[in-house]
Amino acid sequence: MSHDRLQPVDGRLVAEEAPDFVHELVVVLLVRFFGDWVFPRGGAVAGAEAKLALGRERGRKPDLIVYLPGR
């Protein structure tokens, strides 16, 4: 198993599920939907592969991140 397909959850490495075509299509549509709203307001939308620390031993690798301005 590749370390690229693992993410930390409660201090343990957990295997990620491999996304299928429908999943990726929904992510792309959500990026466009949120991007059309948030970019003119000074925010941003980021896709997969961004690793977020939620604590010392906890993290997630979300499919989509929306950054709101001023947050």
C-alpha atoms as a PDB file:
ATOM      1  CA  MET A   1       0.000   0.000   0.000  1.00  0.00           C
ATOM      2  CA  SER A   2       1.348   3.436  -0.949  1.00  0.00           C
ATOM      3  CA  HIS A   3       1.682   6.103   1.756  1.00  0.00           C
ATOM      4  CA  ASP A   4       0.008   8.533  -0.679  1.00  0.00           C
ATOM      5  CA  ARG A   5      -3.267   6.677  -0.171  1.00  0.00           C
ATOM      6  CA  LEU A   6      -3.208   6.902   3.649  1.00  0.00           C
ATOM      7  CA  GLN A   7      -4.493   9.632   5.915  1.00  0.00           C
ATOM      8  CA  PRO A   8      -4.148  10.106   9.673  1.00  0.00           C
ATOM      9  CA  VAL A   9      -7.319   9.492  11.688  1.00  0.00           C
ATOM     10  CA  ASP A  10      -7.175   9.514  15.502  1.00  0.00           C
ATOM     11  CA  GLY A  11      -3.431   8.833  15.485  1.00  0.00           C
ATOM     12  CA  ARG A  12      -3.626   5.900  13.038  1.00  0.00           C
ATOM     13  CA  LEU A  13      -3.075   5.747   9.296  1.00  0.00           C
ATOM     14  CA  VAL A  14      -6.259   4.767   7.480  1.00  0.00           C
ATOM     15  CA  ALA A  15      -6.464   3.778   3.805  1.00  0.00           C
ATOM     16  CA  GLU A  16      -8.381   6.184   1.581  1.00  0.00           C
ATOM     17  CA  GLU A  17     -11.111   4.960  -0.703  1.00  0.00           C
ATOM     18  CA  ALA A  18     -10.342   5.323  -4.402  1.00  0.00           C
ATOM     19  CA  PRO A  19     -12.841   7.731  -5.988  1.00  0.00           C
ATOM     20  CA  ASP A  20     -14.764   6.665  -9.064  1.00  0.00           C
ATOM     21  CA  PHE A  21     -15.784   8.737 -12.107  1.00  0.00           C
ATOM     22  CA  VAL A  22     -19.128   9.856 -10.660  1.00  0.00           C
ATOM     23  CA  HIS A  23     -17.429  11.001  -7.453  1.00  0.00           C
ATOM     24  CA  GLU A  24     -14.874  13.051  -9.399  1.00  0.00           C
ATOM     25  CA  LEU A  25     -17.612  14.536 -11.603  1.00  0.00           C
ATOM     26  CA  VAL A  26     -19.563  15.670  -8.531  1.00  0.00           C
ATOM     27  CA  VAL A  27     -16.399  17.242  -7.063  1.00  0.00           C
ATOM     28  CA  VAL A  28     -15.776  19.178 -10.291  1.00  0.00           C
ATOM     29  CA  LEU A  29     -19.372  20.418 -10.349  1.00  0.00           C
ATOM     30  CA  LEU A  30     -19.110  21.511  -6.701  1.00  0.00           C
ATOM     31  CA  VAL A  31     -15.823  23.343  -7.389  1.00  0.00           C
ATOM     32  CA  ARG A  32     -17.541  25.256 -10.166  1.00  0.00           C
ATOM     33  CA  PHE A  33     -20.690  25.941  -8.117  1.00  0.00           C
ATOM     34  CA  PHE A  34     -18.825  27.195  -5.039  1.00  0.00           C
ATOM     35  CA  GLY A  35     -16.157  28.940  -7.126  1.00  0.00           C
ATOM     36  CA  ASP A  36     -18.756  30.985  -9.028  1.00  0.00           C
ATOM     37  CA  TRP A  37     -20.068  32.235  -5.694  1.00  0.00           C
ATOM     38  CA  VAL A  38     -16.930  32.575  -3.549  1.00  0.00           C
ATOM     39  CA  PHE A  39     -14.288  33.945  -5.989  1.00  0.00           C
ATOM     40  CA  PRO A  40     -16.100  37.286  -6.615  1.00  0.00           C
ATOM     41  CA  ARG A  41     -16.329  37.685  -2.820  1.00  0.00           C
ATOM     42  CA  GLY A  42     -12.580  37.242  -2.297  1.00  0.00           C
ATOM     43  CA  GLY A  43     -12.604  33.589  -1.268  1.00  0.00           C
ATOM     44  CA  ALA A  44     -11.152  30.502  -2.901  1.00  0.00           C
ATOM     45  CA  VAL A  45     -11.917  26.875  -3.688  1.00  0.00           C
ATOM     46  CA  ALA A  46      -9.282  24.131  -3.577  1.00  0.00           C
ATOM     47  CA  GLY A  47      -9.499  20.581  -4.867  1.00  0.00           C
ATOM     48  CA  ALA A  48      -8.190  17.279  -3.566  1.00  0.00           C
ATOM     49  CA  GLU A  49      -4.713  16.521  -2.223  1.00  0.00           C
ATOM     50  CA  ALA A  50      -4.750  19.303   0.362  1.00  0.00           C
ATOM     51  CA  LYS A  51      -3.934  17.714   3.722  1.00  0.00           C
ATOM     52  CA  LEU A  52      -5.548  19.364   6.752  1.00  0.00           C
ATOM     53  CA  ALA A  53      -4.443  18.895  10.349  1.00  0.00           C
ATOM     54  CA  LEU A  54      -7.428  18.755  12.695  1.00  0.00           C
ATOM     55  CA  GLY A  55      -5.299  18.140  15.751  1.00  0.00           C
ATOM     56  CA  ARG A  56      -1.976  16.667  16.813  1.00  0.00           C
ATOM     57  CA  GLU A  57      -2.916  13.141  15.768  1.00  0.00           C
ATOM     58  CA  ARG A  58      -5.898  13.770  13.518  1.00  0.00           C
ATOM     59  CA  GLY A  59      -6.176  14.951   9.958  1.00  0.00           C
ATOM     60  CA  ARG A  60      -8.214  14.700   6.803  1.00  0.00           C
ATOM     61  CA  LYS A  61      -7.678  14.961   3.085  1.00  0.00           C
ATOM     62  CA  PRO A  62     -10.977  16.398   1.851  1.00  0.00           C
ATOM     63  CA  ASP A  63     -12.185  16.301  -1.743  1.00  0.00           C
ATOM     64  CA  LEU A  64     -13.022  20.012  -1.688  1.00  0.00           C
ATOM     65  CA  ILE A  65     -12.173  23.022   0.478  1.00  0.00           C
ATOM     66  CA  VAL A  66     -13.975  26.369   0.352  1.00  0.00           C
ATOM     67  CA  TYR A  67     -12.114  29.322   1.892  1.00  0.00           C
ATOM     68  CA  LEU A  68     -14.461  32.137   2.835  1.00  0.00           C
ATOM     69  CA  PRO A  69     -13.066  35.671   2.949  1.00  0.00           C
ATOM     70  CA  GLY A  70     -12.335  36.984   6.417  1.00  0.00           C
ATOM     71  CA  ARG A  71     -12.386  33.523   8.032  1.00  0.00           C
END
